[in-house]
C-alpha atoms as a PDB file:
ATOM      1  CA  MET A   1      14.116 135.206 -15.369  1.00  0.00           C
ATOM      2  CA  SER A   2      17.713 134.243 -14.653  1.00  0.00           C
ATOM      3  CA  PHE A   3      17.922 132.787 -18.161  1.00  0.00           C
ATOM      4  CA  ILE A   4      16.810 136.085 -19.723  1.00  0.00           C
ATOM      5  CA  VAL A   5      19.276 138.007 -17.571  1.00  0.00           C
ATOM      6  CA  SER A   6      22.078 135.692 -18.690  1.00  0.00           C
ATOM      7  CA  LEU A   7      21.228 136.491 -22.320  1.00  0.00           C
ATOM      8  CA  PHE A   8      21.172 140.253 -21.957  1.00  0.00           C
ATOM      9  CA  LYS A   9      24.049 140.645 -19.518  1.00  0.00           C
ATOM     10  CA  PRO A  10      26.782 140.147 -22.183  1.00  0.00           C
ATOM     11  CA  LEU A  11      25.010 142.644 -24.444  1.00  0.00           C
ATOM     12  CA  ALA A  12      24.970 145.157 -21.627  1.00  0.00           C
ATOM     13  CA  TYR A  13      28.717 144.818 -21.152  1.00  0.00           C
ATOM     14  CA  LEU A  14      29.314 145.081 -24.896  1.00  0.00           C
ATOM     15  CA  SER A  15      27.316 148.293 -25.035  1.00  0.00           C
ATOM     16  CA  LEU A  16      29.473 150.024 -22.425  1.00  0.00           C
ATOM     17  CA  PRO A  17      32.210 151.115 -24.900  1.00  0.00           C
ATOM     18  CA  ILE A  18      29.544 152.511 -27.221  1.00  0.00           C
ATOM     19  CA  LEU A  19      27.914 154.455 -24.407  1.00  0.00           C
ATOM     20  CA  PHE A  20      31.305 155.750 -23.307  1.00  0.00           C
ATOM     21  CA  LEU A  21      32.193 156.931 -26.820  1.00  0.00           C
ATOM     22  CA  ARG A  22      28.832 158.637 -27.236  1.00  0.00           C
ATOM     23  CA  SER A  23      29.304 160.395 -23.924  1.00  0.00           C
ATOM     24  CA  LEU A  24      32.827 161.458 -24.882  1.00  0.00           C
ATOM     25  CA  ALA A  25      31.649 162.724 -28.276  1.00  0.00           C
ATOM     26  CA  GLY A  26      29.032 164.836 -26.560  1.00  0.00           C
ATOM     27  CA  THR A  27      31.542 166.606 -24.327  1.00  0.00           C
ATOM     28  CA  SER A  28      34.420 167.280 -26.743  1.00  0.00           C
ATOM     29  CA  PRO A  29      34.070 168.479 -30.380  1.00  0.00           C
ATOM     30  CA  LEU A  30      37.530 167.117 -31.187  1.00  0.00           C
ATOM     31  CA  ALA A  31      36.686 163.736 -29.692  1.00  0.00           C
ATOM     32  CA  ARG A  32      33.455 163.747 -31.699  1.00  0.00           C
ATOM     33  CA  TYR A  33      35.456 164.375 -34.864  1.00  0.00           C
ATOM     34  CA  TYR A  34      37.840 161.468 -34.325  1.00  0.00           C
ATOM     35  CA  ILE A  35      35.119 159.093 -33.173  1.00  0.00           C
ATOM     36  CA  ARG A  36      32.935 159.850 -36.186  1.00  0.00           C
ATOM     37  CA  ALA A  37      35.916 159.632 -38.567  1.00  0.00           C
ATOM     38  CA  ALA A  38      36.877 156.234 -37.164  1.00  0.00           C
ATOM     39  CA  ALA A  39      33.272 155.042 -37.366  1.00  0.00           C
ATOM     40  CA  TYR A  40      33.078 156.286 -40.951  1.00  0.00           C
ATOM     41  CA  ALA A  41      36.211 154.354 -41.916  1.00  0.00           C
ATOM     42  CA  GLY A  42      34.816 151.284 -40.190  1.00  0.00           C
ATOM     43  CA  THR A  43      31.575 151.611 -42.120  1.00  0.00           C
ATOM     44  CA  LEU A  44      33.518 151.798 -45.386  1.00  0.00           C
ATOM     45  CA  ALA A  45      35.415 148.624 -44.600  1.00  0.00           C
ATOM     46  CA  THR A  46      32.310 146.764 -43.443  1.00  0.00           C
ATOM     47  CA  VAL A  47      30.223 147.633 -46.503  1.00  0.00           C
ATOM     48  CA  ALA A  48      33.097 146.826 -48.867  1.00  0.00           C
ATOM     49  CA  SER A  49      33.678 143.442 -47.270  1.00  0.00           C
ATOM     50  CA  GLY A  50      30.002 142.557 -47.372  1.00  0.00           C
ATOM     51  CA  CYS A  51      29.678 143.477 -51.044  1.00  0.00           C
ATOM     52  CA  ILE A  52      32.407 141.176 -52.319  1.00  0.00           C
ATOM     53  CA  VAL A  53      29.815 138.405 -52.538  1.00  0.00           C
ATOM     54  CA  ALA A  54      27.577 140.759 -54.509  1.00  0.00           C
ATOM     55  CA  ALA A  55      30.377 141.309 -57.027  1.00  0.00           C
ATOM     56  CA  VAL A  56      30.550 137.582 -57.696  1.00  0.00           C
ATOM     57  CA  GLY A  57      26.777 137.449 -58.132  1.00  0.00           C
ATOM     58  CA  PHE A  58      26.596 140.404 -60.530  1.00  0.00           C
ATOM     59  CA  THR A  59      29.449 138.992 -62.602  1.00  0.00           C
ATOM     60  CA  ALA A  60      27.762 135.595 -62.793  1.00  0.00           C
ATOM     61  CA  VAL A  61      24.661 137.131 -64.408  1.00  0.00           C
ATOM     62  CA  GLY A  62      26.656 139.348 -66.778  1.00  0.00           C
ATOM     63  CA  LYS A  63      26.125 142.664 -64.973  1.00  0.00           C
ATOM     64  CA  GLN A  64      29.596 143.325 -63.642  1.00  0.00           C
ATOM     65  CA  HIS A  65      29.436 147.022 -64.538  1.00  0.00           C
ATOM     66  CA  ASP A  66      26.509 147.451 -62.124  1.00  0.00           C
ATOM     67  CA  VAL A  67      28.576 146.317 -59.132  1.00  0.00           C
ATOM     68  CA  ASN A  68      29.845 149.810 -58.331  1.00  0.00           C
ATOM     69  CA  HIS A  69      26.316 151.239 -58.493  1.00  0.00           C
ATOM     70  CA  PHE A  70      25.038 148.572 -56.093  1.00  0.00           C
ATOM     71  CA  VAL A  71      27.863 149.022 -53.596  1.00  0.00           C
ATOM     72  CA  ALA A  72      27.467 152.798 -53.822  1.00  0.00           C
ATOM     73  CA  ARG A  73      23.776 152.668 -52.982  1.00  0.00           C
ATOM     74  CA  VAL A  74      24.311 150.266 -50.081  1.00  0.00           C
ATOM     75  CA  PHE A  75      26.971 152.543 -48.631  1.00  0.00           C
ATOM     76  CA  TYR A  76      24.850 155.671 -49.080  1.00  0.00           C
ATOM     77  CA  ALA A  77      21.811 154.069 -47.420  1.00  0.00           C
ATOM     78  CA  THR A  78      23.999 153.025 -44.497  1.00  0.00           C
ATOM     79  CA  VAL A  79      25.992 156.196 -43.973  1.00  0.00           C
ATOM     80  CA  THR A  80      23.055 158.604 -44.210  1.00  0.00           C
ATOM     81  CA  ARG A  81      21.357 156.848 -41.323  1.00  0.00           C
ATOM     82  CA  LEU A  82      24.481 156.597 -39.206  1.00  0.00           C
ATOM     83  CA  PHE A  83      25.986 160.044 -39.801  1.00  0.00           C
ATOM     84  CA  GLY A  84      23.074 162.295 -40.767  1.00  0.00           C
ATOM     85  CA  ILE A  85      24.629 163.437 -44.056  1.00  0.00           C
ATOM     86  CA  THR A  86      22.408 163.460 -47.151  1.00  0.00           C
ATOM     87  CA  VAL A  87      22.848 164.525 -50.779  1.00  0.00           C
ATOM     88  CA  GLU A  88      20.501 166.838 -52.682  1.00  0.00           C
ATOM     89  CA  LEU A  89      20.946 166.009 -56.376  1.00  0.00           C
ATOM     90  CA  GLU A  90      20.039 168.267 -59.307  1.00  0.00           C
ATOM     91  CA  GLY A  91      20.351 167.303 -62.976  1.00  0.00           C
ATOM     92  CA  GLU A  92      20.266 163.543 -62.405  1.00  0.00           C
ATOM     93  CA  GLU A  93      18.705 163.054 -65.858  1.00  0.00           C
ATOM     94  CA  HIS A  94      22.055 163.886 -67.481  1.00  0.00           C
ATOM     95  CA  LEU A  95      23.573 160.744 -65.957  1.00  0.00           C
ATOM     96  CA  ASN A  96      21.473 158.623 -68.333  1.00  0.00           C
ATOM     97  CA  SER A  97      23.754 159.647 -71.209  1.00  0.00           C
ATOM     98  CA  ARG A  98      26.207 156.803 -71.930  1.00  0.00           C
ATOM     99  CA  PRO A  99      29.015 156.338 -72.628  1.00  0.00           C
ATOM    100  CA  ALA A 100      30.440 159.338 -70.794  1.00  0.00           C
ATOM    101  CA  ILE A 101      33.353 160.528 -68.685  1.00  0.00           C
ATOM    102  CA  LEU A 102      31.980 161.738 -65.345  1.00  0.00           C
ATOM    103  CA  MET A 103      34.171 164.440 -63.799  1.00  0.00           C
ATOM    104  CA  SER A 104      33.747 165.748 -60.265  1.00  0.00           C
ATOM    105  CA  ASN A 105      35.575 168.134 -57.943  1.00  0.00           C
ATOM    106  CA  HIS A 106      37.368 166.336 -55.114  1.00  0.00           C
ATOM    107  CA  GLN A 107      37.346 167.595 -51.507  1.00  0.00           C
ATOM    108  CA  SER A 108      37.760 164.853 -48.914  1.00  0.00           C
ATOM    109  CA  MET A 109      36.895 161.310 -47.909  1.00  0.00           C
ATOM    110  CA  LEU A 110      33.261 162.431 -47.682  1.00  0.00           C
ATOM    111  CA  ASP A 111      33.206 162.402 -51.490  1.00  0.00           C
ATOM    112  CA  ILE A 112      32.557 158.677 -51.175  1.00  0.00           C
ATOM    113  CA  ILE A 113      29.095 159.627 -49.884  1.00  0.00           C
ATOM    114  CA  ILE A 114      28.588 161.631 -53.082  1.00  0.00           C
ATOM    115  CA  LEU A 115      29.613 158.616 -55.137  1.00  0.00           C
ATOM    116  CA  GLY A 116      27.156 156.570 -53.119  1.00  0.00           C
ATOM    117  CA  ARG A 117      24.238 158.776 -54.116  1.00  0.00           C
ATOM    118  CA  VAL A 118      25.217 159.832 -57.628  1.00  0.00           C
ATOM    119  CA  MET A 119      26.999 156.900 -59.283  1.00  0.00           C
ATOM    120  CA  PRO A 120      24.733 155.587 -62.068  1.00  0.00           C
ATOM    121  CA  LYS A 121      24.392 152.031 -63.326  1.00  0.00           C
ATOM    122  CA  GLN A 122      26.836 150.770 -65.943  1.00  0.00           C
ATOM    123  CA  THR A 123      29.707 152.782 -64.492  1.00  0.00           C
ATOM    124  CA  SER A 124      33.216 151.398 -64.395  1.00  0.00           C
ATOM    125  CA  ILE A 125      36.405 152.719 -62.867  1.00  0.00           C
ATOM    126  CA  ILE A 126      39.932 153.288 -64.064  1.00  0.00           C
ATOM    127  CA  SER A 127      42.829 152.120 -61.930  1.00  0.00           C
ATOM    128  CA  LYS A 128      46.573 151.741 -62.293  1.00  0.00           C
ATOM    129  CA  GLU A 129      47.532 148.314 -63.554  1.00  0.00           C
ATOM    130  CA  SER A 130      49.600 147.394 -60.499  1.00  0.00           C
ATOM    131  CA  ILE A 131      46.457 147.282 -58.330  1.00  0.00           C
ATOM    132  CA  LYS A 132      45.356 144.284 -60.388  1.00  0.00           C
ATOM    133  CA  TYR A 133      47.919 142.243 -58.457  1.00  0.00           C
ATOM    134  CA  SER A 134      46.934 143.532 -55.007  1.00  0.00           C
ATOM    135  CA  PRO A 135      44.436 141.902 -52.616  1.00  0.00           C
ATOM    136  CA  LEU A 136      41.845 144.243 -54.108  1.00  0.00           C
ATOM    137  CA  GLY A 137      42.597 142.994 -57.637  1.00  0.00           C
ATOM    138  CA  PRO A 138      40.120 140.087 -57.872  1.00  0.00           C
ATOM    139  CA  PHE A 139      37.243 142.308 -56.776  1.00  0.00           C
ATOM    140  CA  MET A 140      38.203 145.004 -59.276  1.00  0.00           C
ATOM    141  CA  LEU A 141      38.385 142.447 -62.062  1.00  0.00           C
ATOM    142  CA  LEU A 142      34.922 141.211 -61.121  1.00  0.00           C
ATOM    143  CA  SER A 143      33.531 144.757 -61.200  1.00  0.00           C
ATOM    144  CA  GLY A 144      34.886 145.475 -64.696  1.00  0.00           C
ATOM    145  CA  THR A 145      37.679 147.857 -63.741  1.00  0.00           C
ATOM    146  CA  ILE A 146      39.675 149.310 -66.647  1.00  0.00           C
ATOM    147  CA  PHE A 147      43.392 149.143 -65.889  1.00  0.00           C
ATOM    148  CA  ILE A 148      45.839 151.794 -67.118  1.00  0.00           C
ATOM    149  CA  ASN A 149      49.562 151.222 -67.650  1.00  0.00           C
ATOM    150  CA  ARG A 150      51.379 154.403 -66.625  1.00  0.00           C
ATOM    151  CA  GLY A 151      54.905 153.121 -67.190  1.00  0.00           C
ATOM    152  CA  ASN A 152      55.772 155.876 -69.667  1.00  0.00           C
ATOM    153  CA  ASN A 153      54.059 158.347 -71.968  1.00  0.00           C
ATOM    154  CA  ALA A 154      53.749 155.934 -74.890  1.00  0.00           C
ATOM    155  CA  GLN A 155      52.233 153.202 -72.728  1.00  0.00           C
ATOM    156  CA  ALA A 156      49.937 155.696 -71.030  1.00  0.00           C
ATOM    157  CA  VAL A 157      48.624 157.018 -74.344  1.00  0.00           C
ATOM    158  CA  LYS A 158      48.023 153.485 -75.641  1.00  0.00           C
ATOM    159  CA  SER A 159      46.259 152.548 -72.402  1.00  0.00           C
ATOM    160  CA  LEU A 160      44.041 155.624 -72.652  1.00  0.00           C
ATOM    161  CA  ASN A 161      43.121 154.793 -76.246  1.00  0.00           C
ATOM    162  CA  ASP A 162      42.347 151.184 -75.313  1.00  0.00           C
ATOM    163  CA  ALA A 163      40.273 152.373 -72.356  1.00  0.00           C
ATOM    164  CA  GLY A 164      38.298 154.739 -74.578  1.00  0.00           C
ATOM    165  CA  ASN A 165      37.554 151.976 -77.075  1.00  0.00           C
ATOM    166  CA  LEU A 166      36.436 149.659 -74.280  1.00  0.00           C
ATOM    167  CA  ILE A 167      34.167 152.334 -72.803  1.00  0.00           C
ATOM    168  CA  LYS A 168      32.541 152.948 -76.190  1.00  0.00           C
ATOM    169  CA  LYS A 169      32.205 149.255 -76.989  1.00  0.00           C
ATOM    170  CA  ASN A 170      30.487 148.436 -73.686  1.00  0.00           C
ATOM    171  CA  LYS A 171      28.558 151.747 -73.589  1.00  0.00           C
ATOM    172  CA  ILE A 172      29.585 152.410 -70.013  1.00  0.00           C
ATOM    173  CA  SER A 173      30.579 155.524 -68.090  1.00  0.00           C
ATOM    174  CA  THR A 174      33.609 156.101 -65.911  1.00  0.00           C
ATOM    175  CA  TRP A 175      34.137 158.540 -63.039  1.00  0.00           C
ATOM    176  CA  ILE A 176      37.195 160.771 -62.625  1.00  0.00           C
ATOM    177  CA  PHE A 177      38.434 163.409 -60.168  1.00  0.00           C
ATOM    178  CA  PRO A 178      40.377 165.583 -62.656  1.00  0.00           C
ATOM    179  CA  GLU A 179      41.993 167.779 -59.980  1.00  0.00           C
ATOM    180  CA  GLY A 180      44.236 164.841 -59.141  1.00  0.00           C
ATOM    181  CA  THR A 181      44.049 165.333 -55.374  1.00  0.00           C
ATOM    182  CA  ARG A 182      41.672 166.368 -52.614  1.00  0.00           C
ATOM    183  CA  HIS A 183      41.263 170.075 -52.000  1.00  0.00           C
ATOM    184  CA  LEU A 184      39.073 171.488 -49.222  1.00  0.00           C
ATOM    185  CA  SER A 185      39.116 175.004 -47.803  1.00  0.00           C
ATOM    186  CA  ALA A 186      36.676 177.628 -46.553  1.00  0.00           C
ATOM    187  CA  LYS A 187      36.674 179.188 -50.040  1.00  0.00           C
ATOM    188  CA  SER A 188      34.741 177.631 -52.906  1.00  0.00           C
ATOM    189  CA  ASP A 189      37.495 176.994 -55.422  1.00  0.00           C
ATOM    190  CA  MET A 190      39.140 174.217 -57.423  1.00  0.00           C
ATOM    191  CA  LEU A 191      42.642 173.212 -58.423  1.00  0.00           C
ATOM    192  CA  PRO A 192      43.694 173.229 -62.101  1.00  0.00           C
ATOM    193  CA  LEU A 193      42.471 170.083 -63.869  1.00  0.00           C
ATOM    194  CA  LYS A 194      44.862 167.425 -65.085  1.00  0.00           C
ATOM    195  CA  LYS A 195      44.528 166.603 -68.762  1.00  0.00           C
ATOM    196  CA  GLY A 196      44.514 162.789 -68.663  1.00  0.00           C
ATOM    197  CA  GLY A 197      40.740 162.443 -68.487  1.00  0.00           C
ATOM    198  CA  PHE A 198      40.319 164.990 -71.264  1.00  0.00           C
ATOM    199  CA  HIS A 199      42.727 163.098 -73.518  1.00  0.00           C
ATOM    200  CA  LEU A 200      40.655 159.988 -72.837  1.00  0.00           C
ATOM    201  CA  ALA A 201      37.393 161.742 -73.712  1.00  0.00           C
ATOM    202  CA  VAL A 202      38.783 163.409 -76.844  1.00  0.00           C
ATOM    203  CA  SER A 203      40.544 160.333 -78.228  1.00  0.00           C
ATOM    204  CA  ALA A 204      37.371 158.266 -77.899  1.00  0.00           C
ATOM    205  CA  GLY A 205      34.939 161.035 -78.833  1.00  0.00           C
ATOM    206  CA  ILE A 206      33.115 160.511 -75.529  1.00  0.00           C
ATOM    207  CA  PRO A 207      31.152 163.376 -73.920  1.00  0.00           C
ATOM    208  CA  ILE A 208      32.189 164.782 -70.546  1.00  0.00           C
ATOM    209  CA  ILE A 209      29.579 165.178 -67.820  1.00  0.00           C
ATOM    210  CA  PRO A 210      30.727 167.589 -65.070  1.00  0.00           C
ATOM    211  CA  ILE A 211      29.446 166.836 -61.561  1.00  0.00           C
ATOM    212  CA  VAL A 212      29.808 169.711 -59.114  1.00  0.00           C
ATOM    213  CA  VAL A 213      29.723 169.138 -55.358  1.00  0.00           C
ATOM    214  CA  GLU A 214      29.144 172.187 -53.194  1.00  0.00           C
ATOM    215  CA  ASN A 215      31.890 173.270 -50.814  1.00  0.00           C
ATOM    216  CA  TYR A 216      31.019 171.389 -47.606  1.00  0.00           C
ATOM    217  CA  TYR A 217      33.661 172.914 -45.330  1.00  0.00           C
ATOM    218  CA  HIS A 218      30.798 173.841 -42.978  1.00  0.00           C
ATOM    219  CA  ILE A 219      30.073 170.124 -42.508  1.00  0.00           C
ATOM    220  CA  TYR A 220      33.524 168.569 -42.615  1.00  0.00           C
ATOM    221  CA  HIS A 221      37.135 169.674 -42.179  1.00  0.00           C
ATOM    222  CA  SER A 222      39.948 168.914 -39.758  1.00  0.00           C
ATOM    223  CA  GLY A 223      38.394 168.945 -36.292  1.00  0.00           C
ATOM    224  CA  LEU A 224      34.793 169.005 -37.566  1.00  0.00           C
ATOM    225  CA  PHE A 225      32.629 166.087 -38.692  1.00  0.00           C
ATOM    226  CA  GLY A 226      29.062 167.309 -38.560  1.00  0.00           C
ATOM    227  CA  GLU A 227      25.706 166.593 -40.183  1.00  0.00           C
ATOM    228  CA  GLY A 228      23.770 168.231 -42.979  1.00  0.00           C
ATOM    229  CA  LYS A 229      22.778 168.247 -46.637  1.00  0.00           C
ATOM    230  CA  ILE A 230      25.308 168.464 -49.477  1.00  0.00           C
ATOM    231  CA  LYS A 231      24.148 169.907 -52.798  1.00  0.00           C
ATOM    232  CA  VAL A 232      25.317 168.270 -56.012  1.00  0.00           C
ATOM    233  CA  LYS A 233      24.581 169.520 -59.522  1.00  0.00           C
ATOM    234  CA  VAL A 234      25.103 167.463 -62.680  1.00  0.00           C
ATOM    235  CA  LEU A 235      25.761 169.645 -65.732  1.00  0.00           C
ATOM    236  CA  PRO A 236      24.698 168.794 -69.312  1.00  0.00           C
ATOM    237  CA  PRO A 237      27.090 166.605 -71.344  1.00  0.00           C
ATOM    238  CA  ILE A 238      29.915 168.427 -73.145  1.00  0.00           C
ATOM    239  CA  PRO A 239      30.580 166.855 -76.575  1.00  0.00           C
ATOM    240  CA  THR A 240      34.145 166.102 -77.663  1.00  0.00           C
ATOM    241  CA  VAL A 241      33.518 164.838 -81.202  1.00  0.00           C
ATOM    242  CA  GLY A 242      35.771 166.642 -83.672  1.00  0.00           C
ATOM    243  CA  LEU A 243      38.352 167.654 -81.064  1.00  0.00           C
ATOM    244  CA  THR A 244      41.971 166.479 -81.096  1.00  0.00           C
ATOM    245  CA  SER A 245      44.577 165.944 -78.404  1.00  0.00           C
ATOM    246  CA  LYS A 246      45.772 169.499 -79.015  1.00  0.00           C
ATOM    247  CA  ASP A 247      42.409 170.727 -77.721  1.00  0.00           C
ATOM    248  CA  ALA A 248      42.662 168.859 -74.393  1.00  0.00           C
ATOM    249  CA  GLY A 249      44.290 171.740 -72.500  1.00  0.00           C
ATOM    250  CA  GLU A 250      41.752 174.319 -73.654  1.00  0.00           C
ATOM    251  CA  LEU A 251      38.902 171.872 -72.981  1.00  0.00           C
ATOM    252  CA  ALA A 252      40.185 171.332 -69.423  1.00  0.00           C
ATOM    253  CA  VAL A 253      40.169 175.084 -68.800  1.00  0.00           C
ATOM    254  CA  ARG A 254      36.657 175.467 -70.236  1.00  0.00           C
ATOM    255  CA  VAL A 255      35.236 172.608 -68.167  1.00  0.00           C
ATOM    256  CA  ARG A 256      36.888 173.969 -65.024  1.00  0.00           C
ATOM    257  CA  GLU A 257      35.352 177.402 -65.616  1.00  0.00           C
ATOM    258  CA  GLN A 258      31.876 175.865 -65.948  1.00  0.00           C
ATOM    259  CA  MET A 259      32.377 173.802 -62.811  1.00  0.00           C
ATOM    260  CA  LEU A 260      33.709 176.798 -60.854  1.00  0.00           C
ATOM    261  CA  GLU A 261      30.737 178.932 -61.838  1.00  0.00           C
ATOM    262  CA  THR A 262      28.354 176.228 -60.638  1.00  0.00           C
ATOM    263  CA  LEU A 263      30.430 175.662 -57.483  1.00  0.00           C
ATOM    264  CA  HIS A 264      30.086 179.337 -56.523  1.00  0.00           C
ATOM    265  CA  GLU A 265      26.360 179.163 -57.276  1.00  0.00           C
ATOM    266  CA  ILE A 266      25.537 176.183 -55.041  1.00  0.00           C
ATOM    267  CA  SER A 267      28.086 176.758 -52.241  1.00  0.00           C
ATOM    268  CA  THR A 268      25.925 179.083 -50.160  1.00  0.00           C
ATOM    269  CA  HIS A 269      27.902 178.431 -46.952  1.00  0.00           C
ATOM    270  CA  ALA A 270      31.370 178.964 -48.439  1.00  0.00           C
ATOM    271  CA  VAL A 271      33.475 182.092 -48.759  1.00  0.00           C
ATOM    272  CA  LYS A 272      33.392 183.383 -52.337  1.00  0.00           C
ATOM    273  CA  PRO A 273      36.808 184.286 -53.802  1.00  0.00           C
ATOM    274  CA  ALA A 274      37.320 187.995 -54.424  1.00  0.00           C
ATOM    275  CA  ALA A 275      37.223 189.239 -58.006  1.00  0.00           C
ATOM    276  CA  SER A 276      40.925 190.127 -57.813  1.00  0.00           C
ATOM    277  CA  GLU A 277      41.751 186.555 -56.813  1.00  0.00           C
ATOM    278  CA  LYS A 278      39.869 185.199 -59.828  1.00  0.00           C
ATOM    279  CA  VAL A 279      41.743 187.503 -62.194  1.00  0.00           C
ATOM    280  CA  GLN A 280      45.093 186.545 -60.653  1.00  0.00           C
ATOM    281  CA  GLU A 281      44.217 182.850 -60.873  1.00  0.00           C
ATOM    282  CA  LEU A 282      43.367 183.087 -64.567  1.00  0.00           C
ATOM    283  CA  ALA A 283      46.549 185.025 -65.257  1.00  0.00           C
ATOM    284  CA  GLN A 284      48.721 182.408 -63.573  1.00  0.00           C
ATOM    285  CA  GLU A 285      46.976 179.287 -64.868  1.00  0.00           C
ATOM    286  CA  PRO A 286      48.621 177.719 -67.937  1.00  0.00           C
ATOM    287  CA  LEU A 287      46.412 176.578 -70.780  1.00  0.00           C
ATOM    288  CA  VAL A 288      48.477 173.452 -71.207  1.00  0.00           C
ATOM    289  CA  ALA A 289      49.682 171.399 -68.271  1.00  0.00           C
ATOM    290  CA  PRO A 290      53.119 169.749 -68.192  1.00  0.00           C
ATOM    291  CA  GLU A 291      53.289 166.817 -70.585  1.00  0.00           C
ATOM    292  CA  VAL A 292      54.265 164.128 -68.137  1.00  0.00           C
ATOM    293  CA  ILE A 293      52.630 161.301 -66.312  1.00  0.00           C
ATOM    294  CA  SER A 294      52.019 162.548 -62.796  1.00  0.00           C
ATOM    295  CA  GLU A 295      53.541 160.685 -59.898  1.00  0.00           C
ATOM    296  CA  PRO A 296      51.908 160.481 -56.473  1.00  0.00           C
ATOM    297  CA  VAL A 297      53.098 162.623 -53.595  1.00  0.00           C
ATOM    298  CA  VAL A 298      52.346 161.524 -50.070  1.00  0.00           C
ATOM    299  CA  GLU A 299      50.611 164.214 -48.060  1.00  0.00           C
ATOM    300  CA  PRO A 300      49.814 164.666 -44.389  1.00  0.00           C
ATOM    301  CA  ALA A 301      46.140 164.875 -43.379  1.00  0.00           C
ATOM    302  CA  SER A 302      43.252 163.571 -41.274  1.00  0.00           C
ATOM    303  CA  PRO A 303      41.608 160.064 -40.977  1.00  0.00           C
ATOM    304  CA  SER A 304      40.510 158.494 -44.288  1.00  0.00           C
ATOM    305  CA  THR A 305      40.240 155.586 -46.610  1.00  0.00           C
ATOM    306  CA  SER A 306      41.275 155.116 -50.170  1.00  0.00           C
ATOM    307  CA  SER A 307      39.061 155.287 -53.104  1.00  0.00           C
ATOM    308  CA  ALA A 308      39.029 154.189 -56.597  1.00  0.00           C
ATOM    309  CA  LEU A 309      37.201 156.466 -58.841  1.00  0.00           C
ATOM    310  CA  GLY A 310      39.871 158.666 -59.818  1.00  0.00           C
ATOM    311  CA  VAL A 311      37.552 159.365 -60.266  1.00  0.00           C
ATOM    312  CA  SER A 312      38.012 161.341 -61.195  1.00  0.00           C
ATOM    313  CA  SER A 313      37.610 157.748 -63.587  1.00  0.00           C
ATOM    314  CA  SER A 314      38.939 156.626 -61.864  1.00  0.00           C
ATOM    315  CA  THR A 315      38.278 158.965 -59.441  1.00  0.00           C
ATOM    316  CA  ALA A 316      38.025 155.683 -58.220  1.00  0.00           C
ATOM    317  CA  SER A 317      35.478 153.235 -57.794  1.00  0.00           C
ATOM    318  CA  ILE A 318      33.426 153.358 -54.749  1.00  0.00           C
ATOM    319  CA  VAL A 319      34.471 149.824 -54.158  1.00  0.00           C
ATOM    320  CA  SER A 320      38.142 150.671 -54.292  1.00  0.00           C
ATOM    321  CA  SER A 321      37.404 153.601 -52.117  1.00  0.00           C
ATOM    322  CA  LEU A 322      35.676 151.387 -49.650  1.00  0.00           C
ATOM    323  CA  SER A 323      38.317 148.737 -49.691  1.00  0.00           C
ATOM    324  CA  SER A 324      41.583 150.618 -49.809  1.00  0.00           C
ATOM    325  CA  ARG A 325      43.079 152.114 -46.721  1.00  0.00           C
ATOM    326  CA  SER A 326      44.793 155.304 -45.765  1.00  0.00           C
ATOM    327  CA  SER A 327      45.299 156.617 -42.298  1.00  0.00           C
ATOM    328  CA  ARG A 328      44.637 160.244 -43.009  1.00  0.00           C
ATOM    329  CA  ALA A 329      42.290 162.351 -45.128  1.00  0.00           C
ATOM    330  CA  SER A 330      43.610 165.353 -46.952  1.00  0.00           C
ATOM    331  CA  GLU A 331      42.176 168.789 -47.107  1.00  0.00           C
ATOM    332  CA  ASN A 332      44.530 170.854 -49.213  1.00  0.00           C
ATOM    333  CA  GLY A 333      47.478 168.649 -49.950  1.00  0.00           C
ATOM    334  CA  ALA A 334      49.156 166.879 -52.769  1.00  0.00           C
ATOM    335  CA  GLU A 335      48.200 163.595 -54.336  1.00  0.00           C
ATOM    336  CA  THR A 336      47.868 160.758 -51.864  1.00  0.00           C
ATOM    337  CA  GLU A 337      47.517 157.005 -51.893  1.00  0.00           C
ATOM    338  CA  GLU A 338      43.774 157.500 -51.935  1.00  0.00           C
ATOM    339  CA  ASP A 339      44.038 159.615 -55.032  1.00  0.00           C
ATOM    340  CA  GLU A 340      46.304 157.024 -56.594  1.00  0.00           C
ATOM    341  CA  GLY A 341      43.401 154.642 -56.407  1.00  0.00           C
ATOM    342  CA  MET A 342      40.938 157.146 -57.664  1.00  0.00           C
ATOM    343  CA  ILE A 343      42.562 159.238 -60.227  1.00  0.00           C
ATOM    344  CA  LEU A 344      44.994 157.230 -62.073  1.00  0.00           C
ATOM    345  CA  VAL A 345      45.052 159.172 -65.299  1.00  0.00           C
ATOM    346  CA  GLY A 346      48.050 161.439 -65.600  1.00  0.00           C
ATOM    347  CA  ARG A 347      48.985 163.716 -68.449  1.00  0.00           C
ATOM    348  CA  PRO A 348      50.152 161.966 -71.619  1.00  0.00           C
ATOM    349  CA  SER A 349      51.887 163.852 -74.376  1.00  0.00           C
ATOM    350  CA  ASN A 350      49.808 165.388 -77.144  1.00  0.00           C
END
């Protein structure tokens, strides 16, 4: 008996911090928020670290573009059990169309859960070239990341063209967050879309597949980290064959309008913008965004980690998202380090 007690006694002591945190989370909503956010970040790091071996294995058998899908599914299976957040997916059949540029609205660090459920096989990511030389670089090389040189407009355009050719040649998809930063509020709305991903799609003649995530402000925002189901709707592919770079601005507006309409439709818990606000927004929104490569702006926010799908195509890869670090998650702010990993496509000149 004493032997059994000696085995379980250390475990009992180790469990005390967990019991204390659970008790604290039950008494204070704010404490619950920070505890769950920290646990979420820890889960990201743990899953990412454990999947590095998987990346080597997938690459060895010639399936490096399936690494992100595998890591995504592992993370989703883990986080749904730990945090009680699930994804209800509609239109999944559209994800079978390859090659394609997957474009999703971007709200917070919880978008990594969406990536975990939605990311299809044979999906790569786009990242800025400098990350190749970071500690994350070897993993990204193993997972087939497409690197973009954003040194100047000419280099950016060439990189986009090369990326498009590579995507077509390998028949893979890539995920982008075209808003360029996270944006979360009680109202179901979106920021104007940056044109980089649209230039990529048009130059390569690759269809765009919009992915709309409902406004989940009722589940997560500063001070709240709850549980629930998040609706996601994948829209039919939008062809780009026959379009030119001059059409990128108009295409961005059209895609945003389709995504906004769907966002209002599925965001049953969010506040719908008034009709007057929609009219004012359309009146103020330029058809063509500034013709420059966007630079990151550091923003204040709440606990988070970086991603790599920039997804928007980046819109970062789930793996980059899992592996990169940032101390705070944004809700409404400007582009952050996380977005740098995820959205790396700026706005090249026409």
